[in-house]
Amino acid sequence: MTRRGRQTLVLWVGAVVAGGLLAAGLVLALVPLLYDQVRLHATSVDASNWGYLAVRVTLILASAVAVAGPSAFVLGRRLVGIETPWIVASAVGALVAASIPVSVWFEQKTGLLIGVPSQPSLVVVPLIVGAVAGCATGAAQAIVLGPYVRGAVWWIPTVIGARAVANVATALVNWQIGGAGIRFTTSTDFYAQAIVGALVGSLIVGLVTGLVLVRLLGDFNPERTAAAT
């Protein structure tokens, strides 16, 4: 790996971790505020349902922008003009992923997942949810990367694998923080799960995707870089 490649990798991992922590903090700050507004102003069941849907969409978009912002800045140092398309693609991917009710399929045993066990799995469910989210986000981001780098299609399986592994690791960390339980038990557990989970998950995603990004940018192999120049 070239010196420039190492710099890109370090900056990328730092940006992904910073984005993950920023998104977690943003959600922790917005959730009680937005939910209180819905409970305060909703005058019917339908109004409450639409209000909570709007809150969910707002949180998804805010988180996606927070996560993608720092990494878009790092990408912009190498790929001119990619910042805004990268953020937009990440937000669209997040919305698409959120619209696929994988967790509901597991809980209700519907669709292709009708044969799943009655108890939630700490590995299978997070793995599939992460893979689906990674597929949607990775595909959208690969479209943006396409005009800039060769082999951008490899970004899709990279993000799928990174998000799947990160989701499993986060679920296991949350399970441990929650006292070997699936759900948090105190407000301290809730905040600890959000922050530690974001740190662990984003670190894994940053490392995996960073290595592939350096490869795509031509900085992984000194000979390849020299040949390109």
C-alpha atoms as a PDB file:
ATOM      1  CA  MET A   1       0.000   0.000   0.000  1.00  0.00           C
ATOM      2  CA  THR A   2       1.364   3.417  -0.913  1.00  0.00           C
ATOM      3  CA  ARG A   3       1.800   6.251   1.547  1.00  0.00           C
ATOM      4  CA  ARG A   4      -1.116   8.064  -0.032  1.00  0.00           C
ATOM      5  CA  GLY A   5      -3.175   4.902   0.276  1.00  0.00           C
ATOM      6  CA  ARG A   6      -2.414   4.624   3.985  1.00  0.00           C
ATOM      7  CA  GLN A   7      -3.394   8.248   4.465  1.00  0.00           C
ATOM      8  CA  THR A   8      -6.651   7.678   2.613  1.00  0.00           C
ATOM      9  CA  LEU A   9      -7.395   4.573   4.687  1.00  0.00           C
ATOM     10  CA  VAL A  10      -6.777   6.360   7.994  1.00  0.00           C
ATOM     11  CA  LEU A  11      -8.860   9.360   6.957  1.00  0.00           C
ATOM     12  CA  TRP A  12     -11.642   7.133   5.675  1.00  0.00           C
ATOM     13  CA  VAL A  13     -11.859   5.008   8.823  1.00  0.00           C
ATOM     14  CA  GLY A  14     -11.810   8.138  10.972  1.00  0.00           C
ATOM     15  CA  ALA A  15     -14.542   9.732   8.853  1.00  0.00           C
ATOM     16  CA  VAL A  16     -16.775   6.646   8.984  1.00  0.00           C
ATOM     17  CA  VAL A  17     -16.366   6.353  12.762  1.00  0.00           C
ATOM     18  CA  ALA A  18     -17.022  10.068  13.211  1.00  0.00           C
ATOM     19  CA  GLY A  19     -20.123   9.806  11.033  1.00  0.00           C
ATOM     20  CA  GLY A  20     -21.408   6.807  12.975  1.00  0.00           C
ATOM     21  CA  LEU A  21     -20.974   8.545  16.322  1.00  0.00           C
ATOM     22  CA  LEU A  22     -22.493  11.750  14.955  1.00  0.00           C
ATOM     23  CA  ALA A  23     -25.528   9.835  13.703  1.00  0.00           C
ATOM     24  CA  ALA A  24     -25.953   8.065  17.046  1.00  0.00           C
ATOM     25  CA  GLY A  25     -25.772  11.323  18.952  1.00  0.00           C
ATOM     26  CA  LEU A  26     -28.193  12.964  16.553  1.00  0.00           C
ATOM     27  CA  VAL A  27     -30.738  10.192  16.954  1.00  0.00           C
ATOM     28  CA  LEU A  28     -30.429  10.227  20.733  1.00  0.00           C
ATOM     29  CA  ALA A  29     -31.089  13.967  20.713  1.00  0.00           C
ATOM     30  CA  LEU A  30     -33.934  13.956  18.180  1.00  0.00           C
ATOM     31  CA  VAL A  31     -35.952  10.917  19.271  1.00  0.00           C
ATOM     32  CA  PRO A  32     -37.433  12.323  22.495  1.00  0.00           C
ATOM     33  CA  LEU A  33     -37.905  15.771  20.960  1.00  0.00           C
ATOM     34  CA  LEU A  34     -39.734  14.589  17.845  1.00  0.00           C
ATOM     35  CA  TYR A  35     -41.831  11.971  19.632  1.00  0.00           C
ATOM     36  CA  ASP A  36     -42.924  14.553  22.169  1.00  0.00           C
ATOM     37  CA  GLN A  37     -44.062  16.807  19.328  1.00  0.00           C
ATOM     38  CA  VAL A  38     -46.162  14.009  17.841  1.00  0.00           C
ATOM     39  CA  ARG A  39     -47.766  13.182  21.182  1.00  0.00           C
ATOM     40  CA  LEU A  40     -48.411  16.875  21.809  1.00  0.00           C
ATOM     41  CA  HIS A  41     -49.969  17.797  18.472  1.00  0.00           C
ATOM     42  CA  ALA A  42     -51.553  14.589  17.160  1.00  0.00           C
ATOM     43  CA  THR A  43     -55.323  14.691  17.657  1.00  0.00           C
ATOM     44  CA  SER A  44     -56.245  11.247  16.306  1.00  0.00           C
ATOM     45  CA  VAL A  45     -54.855   7.785  15.788  1.00  0.00           C
ATOM     46  CA  ASP A  46     -54.280   8.458  12.089  1.00  0.00           C
ATOM     47  CA  ALA A  47     -52.483  11.695  12.884  1.00  0.00           C
ATOM     48  CA  SER A  48     -50.285   9.871  15.382  1.00  0.00           C
ATOM     49  CA  ASN A  49     -49.445   7.163  12.849  1.00  0.00           C
ATOM     50  CA  TRP A  50     -48.499   9.692  10.179  1.00  0.00           C
ATOM     51  CA  GLY A  51     -46.565  11.680  12.738  1.00  0.00           C
ATOM     52  CA  TYR A  52     -44.525   8.682  13.849  1.00  0.00           C
ATOM     53  CA  LEU A  53     -43.898   7.756  10.214  1.00  0.00           C
ATOM     54  CA  ALA A  54     -42.621  11.267   9.552  1.00  0.00           C
ATOM     55  CA  VAL A  55     -40.365  10.986  12.610  1.00  0.00           C
ATOM     56  CA  ARG A  56     -38.969   7.676  11.366  1.00  0.00           C
ATOM     57  CA  VAL A  57     -38.239   9.079   7.910  1.00  0.00           C
ATOM     58  CA  THR A  58     -36.637  12.159   9.452  1.00  0.00           C
ATOM     59  CA  LEU A  59     -34.395  10.037  11.663  1.00  0.00           C
ATOM     60  CA  ILE A  60     -33.389   7.808   8.756  1.00  0.00           C
ATOM     61  CA  LEU A  61     -32.463  10.757   6.559  1.00  0.00           C
ATOM     62  CA  ALA A  62     -30.690  12.622   9.359  1.00  0.00           C
ATOM     63  CA  SER A  63     -28.680   9.533  10.279  1.00  0.00           C
ATOM     64  CA  ALA A  64     -27.775   8.812   6.664  1.00  0.00           C
ATOM     65  CA  VAL A  65     -26.582  12.358   6.064  1.00  0.00           C
ATOM     66  CA  ALA A  66     -24.621  12.358   9.318  1.00  0.00           C
ATOM     67  CA  VAL A  67     -22.931   9.073   8.431  1.00  0.00           C
ATOM     68  CA  ALA A  68     -22.195  10.015   4.816  1.00  0.00           C
ATOM     69  CA  GLY A  69     -21.067  13.604   5.419  1.00  0.00           C
ATOM     70  CA  PRO A  70     -17.570  13.005   6.823  1.00  0.00           C
ATOM     71  CA  SER A  71     -16.811  10.191   4.358  1.00  0.00           C
ATOM     72  CA  ALA A  72     -18.011  12.372   1.480  1.00  0.00           C
ATOM     73  CA  PHE A  73     -15.521  15.016   2.575  1.00  0.00           C
ATOM     74  CA  VAL A  74     -12.692  12.453   2.493  1.00  0.00           C
ATOM     75  CA  LEU A  75     -13.801  11.184  -0.925  1.00  0.00           C
ATOM     76  CA  GLY A  76     -13.924  14.740  -2.207  1.00  0.00           C
ATOM     77  CA  ARG A  77     -10.203  15.087  -1.570  1.00  0.00           C
ATOM     78  CA  ARG A  78      -9.603  12.459  -4.269  1.00  0.00           C
ATOM     79  CA  LEU A  79     -12.745  12.540  -6.427  1.00  0.00           C
ATOM     80  CA  VAL A  80     -13.774  16.087  -7.253  1.00  0.00           C
ATOM     81  CA  GLY A  81     -17.467  16.852  -7.055  1.00  0.00           C
ATOM     82  CA  ILE A  82     -18.566  13.573  -5.496  1.00  0.00           C
ATOM     83  CA  GLU A  83     -19.610  14.980  -2.108  1.00  0.00           C
ATOM     84  CA  THR A  84     -23.246  15.886  -2.773  1.00  0.00           C
ATOM     85  CA  PRO A  85     -24.070  12.860  -4.981  1.00  0.00           C
ATOM     86  CA  TRP A  86     -22.499  10.585  -2.349  1.00  0.00           C
ATOM     87  CA  ILE A  87     -24.640  12.015   0.448  1.00  0.00           C
ATOM     88  CA  VAL A  88     -27.804  11.870  -1.671  1.00  0.00           C
ATOM     89  CA  ALA A  89     -27.093   8.277  -2.730  1.00  0.00           C
ATOM     90  CA  SER A  90     -26.469   7.261   0.882  1.00  0.00           C
ATOM     91  CA  ALA A  91     -29.759   8.834   1.983  1.00  0.00           C
ATOM     92  CA  VAL A  92     -31.689   7.134  -0.826  1.00  0.00           C
ATOM     93  CA  GLY A  93     -30.081   3.795  -0.004  1.00  0.00           C
ATOM     94  CA  ALA A  94     -30.995   4.194   3.658  1.00  0.00           C
ATOM     95  CA  LEU A  95     -34.633   4.921   2.778  1.00  0.00           C
ATOM     96  CA  VAL A  96     -34.825   1.930   0.454  1.00  0.00           C
ATOM     97  CA  ALA A  97     -33.292  -0.343   3.098  1.00  0.00           C
ATOM     98  CA  ALA A  98     -35.696   0.937   5.743  1.00  0.00           C
ATOM     99  CA  SER A  99     -38.660   0.256   3.464  1.00  0.00           C
ATOM    100  CA  ILE A 100     -37.816  -3.476   3.312  1.00  0.00           C
ATOM    101  CA  PRO A 101     -39.455  -4.996   6.430  1.00  0.00           C
ATOM    102  CA  VAL A 102     -36.907  -7.725   7.089  1.00  0.00           C
ATOM    103  CA  SER A 103     -37.322  -7.563  10.870  1.00  0.00           C
ATOM    104  CA  VAL A 104     -41.099  -7.728  10.529  1.00  0.00           C
ATOM    105  CA  TRP A 105     -40.810 -10.828   8.372  1.00  0.00           C
ATOM    106  CA  PHE A 106     -38.793 -12.484  11.098  1.00  0.00           C
ATOM    107  CA  GLU A 107     -41.156 -11.415  13.866  1.00  0.00           C
ATOM    108  CA  GLN A 108     -44.365 -12.363  12.044  1.00  0.00           C
ATOM    109  CA  LYS A 109     -42.933 -15.360  10.144  1.00  0.00           C
ATOM    110  CA  THR A 110     -44.249 -14.123   6.819  1.00  0.00           C
ATOM    111  CA  GLY A 111     -42.933 -14.200   3.281  1.00  0.00           C
ATOM    112  CA  LEU A 112     -39.777 -16.150   2.547  1.00  0.00           C
ATOM    113  CA  LEU A 113     -38.824 -16.169   6.219  1.00  0.00           C
ATOM    114  CA  ILE A 114     -41.871 -18.099   7.409  1.00  0.00           C
ATOM    115  CA  GLY A 115     -39.772 -20.922   8.800  1.00  0.00           C
ATOM    116  CA  VAL A 116     -37.596 -18.868  11.122  1.00  0.00           C
ATOM    117  CA  PRO A 117     -37.398 -19.800  14.831  1.00  0.00           C
ATOM    118  CA  SER A 118     -39.768 -18.141  17.299  1.00  0.00           C
ATOM    119  CA  GLN A 119     -36.948 -16.486  19.238  1.00  0.00           C
ATOM    120  CA  PRO A 120     -34.876 -13.719  17.621  1.00  0.00           C
ATOM    121  CA  SER A 121     -31.346 -14.703  16.723  1.00  0.00           C
ATOM    122  CA  LEU A 122     -28.362 -12.595  17.714  1.00  0.00           C
ATOM    123  CA  VAL A 123     -26.611 -13.624  14.512  1.00  0.00           C
ATOM    124  CA  VAL A 124     -29.078 -14.507  11.765  1.00  0.00           C
ATOM    125  CA  VAL A 125     -31.439 -11.540  12.064  1.00  0.00           C
ATOM    126  CA  PRO A 126     -28.739  -8.829  12.321  1.00  0.00           C
ATOM    127  CA  LEU A 127     -26.760 -10.545   9.554  1.00  0.00           C
ATOM    128  CA  ILE A 128     -29.652 -10.477   7.089  1.00  0.00           C
ATOM    129  CA  VAL A 129     -30.800  -6.985   8.099  1.00  0.00           C
ATOM    130  CA  GLY A 130     -27.253  -5.687   7.660  1.00  0.00           C
ATOM    131  CA  ALA A 131     -26.850  -7.440   4.309  1.00  0.00           C
ATOM    132  CA  VAL A 132     -30.095  -5.963   2.987  1.00  0.00           C
ATOM    133  CA  ALA A 133     -29.147  -2.479   4.182  1.00  0.00           C
ATOM    134  CA  GLY A 134     -25.677  -2.903   2.718  1.00  0.00           C
ATOM    135  CA  CYS A 135     -27.093  -3.991  -0.632  1.00  0.00           C
ATOM    136  CA  ALA A 136     -29.350  -0.944  -0.924  1.00  0.00           C
ATOM    137  CA  THR A 137     -26.733   1.533   0.257  1.00  0.00           C
ATOM    138  CA  GLY A 138     -23.855  -0.096  -1.595  1.00  0.00           C
ATOM    139  CA  ALA A 139     -25.752  -0.159  -4.887  1.00  0.00           C
ATOM    140  CA  ALA A 140     -26.661   3.518  -4.623  1.00  0.00           C
ATOM    141  CA  GLN A 141     -23.105   4.496  -3.726  1.00  0.00           C
ATOM    142  CA  ALA A 142     -21.629   2.295  -6.472  1.00  0.00           C
ATOM    143  CA  ILE A 143     -23.682   4.206  -9.037  1.00  0.00           C
ATOM    144  CA  VAL A 144     -22.048   7.412  -7.819  1.00  0.00           C
ATOM    145  CA  LEU A 145     -18.568   5.842  -7.791  1.00  0.00           C
ATOM    146  CA  GLY A 146     -18.981   4.409 -11.300  1.00  0.00           C
ATOM    147  CA  PRO A 147     -17.918   7.492 -13.291  1.00  0.00           C
ATOM    148  CA  TYR A 148     -14.838   7.967 -11.088  1.00  0.00           C
ATOM    149  CA  VAL A 149     -13.266   4.528 -10.665  1.00  0.00           C
ATOM    150  CA  ARG A 150     -13.063   1.207 -12.471  1.00  0.00           C
ATOM    151  CA  GLY A 151     -14.620  -1.806 -10.830  1.00  0.00           C
ATOM    152  CA  ALA A 152     -17.080   0.247  -8.793  1.00  0.00           C
ATOM    153  CA  VAL A 153     -19.446  -2.738  -8.842  1.00  0.00           C
ATOM    154  CA  TRP A 154     -17.201  -4.390  -6.239  1.00  0.00           C
ATOM    155  CA  TRP A 155     -18.334  -1.711  -3.822  1.00  0.00           C
ATOM    156  CA  ILE A 156     -21.719  -3.455  -3.526  1.00  0.00           C
ATOM    157  CA  PRO A 157     -20.555  -6.816  -2.077  1.00  0.00           C
ATOM    158  CA  THR A 158     -18.037  -4.926   0.047  1.00  0.00           C
ATOM    159  CA  VAL A 159     -20.710  -2.839   1.729  1.00  0.00           C
ATOM    160  CA  ILE A 160     -23.015  -5.863   2.034  1.00  0.00           C
ATOM    161  CA  GLY A 161     -20.353  -7.848   3.871  1.00  0.00           C
ATOM    162  CA  ALA A 162     -19.211  -4.910   5.988  1.00  0.00           C
ATOM    163  CA  ARG A 163     -22.713  -3.964   7.100  1.00  0.00           C
ATOM    164  CA  ALA A 164     -23.677  -7.588   7.794  1.00  0.00           C
ATOM    165  CA  VAL A 165     -20.638  -8.245   9.978  1.00  0.00           C
ATOM    166  CA  ALA A 166     -20.964  -4.853  11.679  1.00  0.00           C
ATOM    167  CA  ASN A 167     -24.637  -5.521  12.464  1.00  0.00           C
ATOM    168  CA  VAL A 168     -23.829  -8.864  14.079  1.00  0.00           C
ATOM    169  CA  ALA A 169     -20.992  -7.335  16.114  1.00  0.00           C
ATOM    170  CA  THR A 170     -23.241  -4.481  17.226  1.00  0.00           C
ATOM    171  CA  ALA A 171     -26.010  -6.883  18.226  1.00  0.00           C
ATOM    172  CA  LEU A 172     -23.595  -8.930  20.319  1.00  0.00           C
ATOM    173  CA  VAL A 173     -22.231  -5.788  22.004  1.00  0.00           C
ATOM    174  CA  ASN A 174     -25.757  -4.568  22.741  1.00  0.00           C
ATOM    175  CA  TRP A 175     -26.670  -7.984  24.110  1.00  0.00           C
ATOM    176  CA  GLN A 176     -23.705  -7.882  26.467  1.00  0.00           C
ATOM    177  CA  ILE A 177     -24.390  -4.306  27.598  1.00  0.00           C
ATOM    178  CA  GLY A 178     -28.037  -5.165  28.209  1.00  0.00           C
ATOM    179  CA  GLY A 179     -27.042  -7.876  30.696  1.00  0.00           C
ATOM    180  CA  ALA A 180     -27.247 -10.790  28.235  1.00  0.00           C
ATOM    181  CA  GLY A 181     -30.690  -9.670  27.118  1.00  0.00           C
ATOM    182  CA  ILE A 182     -32.040  -8.655  23.731  1.00  0.00           C
ATOM    183  CA  ARG A 183     -33.478  -5.351  24.960  1.00  0.00           C
ATOM    184  CA  PHE A 184     -31.944  -2.574  27.009  1.00  0.00           C
ATOM    185  CA  THR A 185     -33.089  -2.437  30.637  1.00  0.00           C
ATOM    186  CA  THR A 186     -32.178   1.087  31.765  1.00  0.00           C
ATOM    187  CA  SER A 187     -31.648   4.484  30.159  1.00  0.00           C
ATOM    188  CA  THR A 188     -27.921   4.049  30.767  1.00  0.00           C
ATOM    189  CA  ASP A 189     -28.002   0.799  28.799  1.00  0.00           C
ATOM    190  CA  PHE A 190     -29.873   2.591  26.021  1.00  0.00           C
ATOM    191  CA  TYR A 191     -27.243   5.317  25.625  1.00  0.00           C
ATOM    192  CA  ALA A 192     -24.364   2.875  26.066  1.00  0.00           C
ATOM    193  CA  GLN A 193     -25.756   0.594  23.382  1.00  0.00           C
ATOM    194  CA  ALA A 194     -26.230   3.465  20.967  1.00  0.00           C
ATOM    195  CA  ILE A 195     -22.726   4.892  21.400  1.00  0.00           C
ATOM    196  CA  VAL A 196     -20.728   1.679  21.741  1.00  0.00           C
ATOM    197  CA  GLY A 197     -22.738   0.014  18.991  1.00  0.00           C
ATOM    198  CA  ALA A 198     -22.102   2.944  16.655  1.00  0.00           C
ATOM    199  CA  LEU A 199     -18.392   2.880  17.481  1.00  0.00           C
ATOM    200  CA  VAL A 200     -17.964  -0.872  16.917  1.00  0.00           C
ATOM    201  CA  GLY A 201     -20.143  -1.016  13.822  1.00  0.00           C
ATOM    202  CA  SER A 202     -18.668   2.017  12.094  1.00  0.00           C
ATOM    203  CA  LEU A 203     -15.119   0.864  12.867  1.00  0.00           C
ATOM    204  CA  ILE A 204     -15.766  -2.453  11.130  1.00  0.00           C
ATOM    205  CA  VAL A 205     -17.469  -0.799   8.165  1.00  0.00           C
ATOM    206  CA  GLY A 206     -14.706   1.792   7.902  1.00  0.00           C
ATOM    207  CA  LEU A 207     -11.901  -0.774   7.876  1.00  0.00           C
ATOM    208  CA  VAL A 208     -13.528  -3.141   5.371  1.00  0.00           C
ATOM    209  CA  THR A 209     -14.750  -0.499   2.954  1.00  0.00           C
ATOM    210  CA  GLY A 210     -11.590   1.564   3.397  1.00  0.00           C
ATOM    211  CA  LEU A 211      -9.349  -1.252   2.198  1.00  0.00           C
ATOM    212  CA  VAL A 212     -11.503  -1.771  -0.885  1.00  0.00           C
ATOM    213  CA  LEU A 213     -11.723   1.973  -1.525  1.00  0.00           C
ATOM    214  CA  VAL A 214      -7.932   2.260  -1.504  1.00  0.00           C
ATOM    215  CA  ARG A 215      -7.825  -0.617  -3.972  1.00  0.00           C
ATOM    216  CA  LEU A 216     -10.351   1.044  -6.239  1.00  0.00           C
ATOM    217  CA  LEU A 217      -8.440   4.311  -6.116  1.00  0.00           C
ATOM    218  CA  GLY A 218      -5.275   2.507  -7.200  1.00  0.00           C
ATOM    219  CA  ASP A 219      -3.350   3.073  -3.994  1.00  0.00           C
ATOM    220  CA  PHE A 220      -3.148  -0.494  -2.739  1.00  0.00           C
ATOM    221  CA  ASN A 221      -0.371  -1.684  -5.041  1.00  0.00           C
ATOM    222  CA  PRO A 222       2.648   0.611  -5.567  1.00  0.00           C
ATOM    223  CA  GLU A 223       3.343  -0.999  -8.963  1.00  0.00           C
ATOM    224  CA  ARG A 224      -0.204  -0.396 -10.121  1.00  0.00           C
ATOM    225  CA  THR A 225      -0.019   3.228  -8.987  1.00  0.00           C
ATOM    226  CA  ALA A 226       3.304   3.726 -10.775  1.00  0.00           C
ATOM    227  CA  ALA A 227       1.902   2.176 -13.960  1.00  0.00           C
ATOM    228  CA  ALA A 228      -1.158   4.425 -13.837  1.00  0.00           C
ATOM    229  CA  THR A 229       0.971   7.524 -13.559  1.00  0.00           C
END
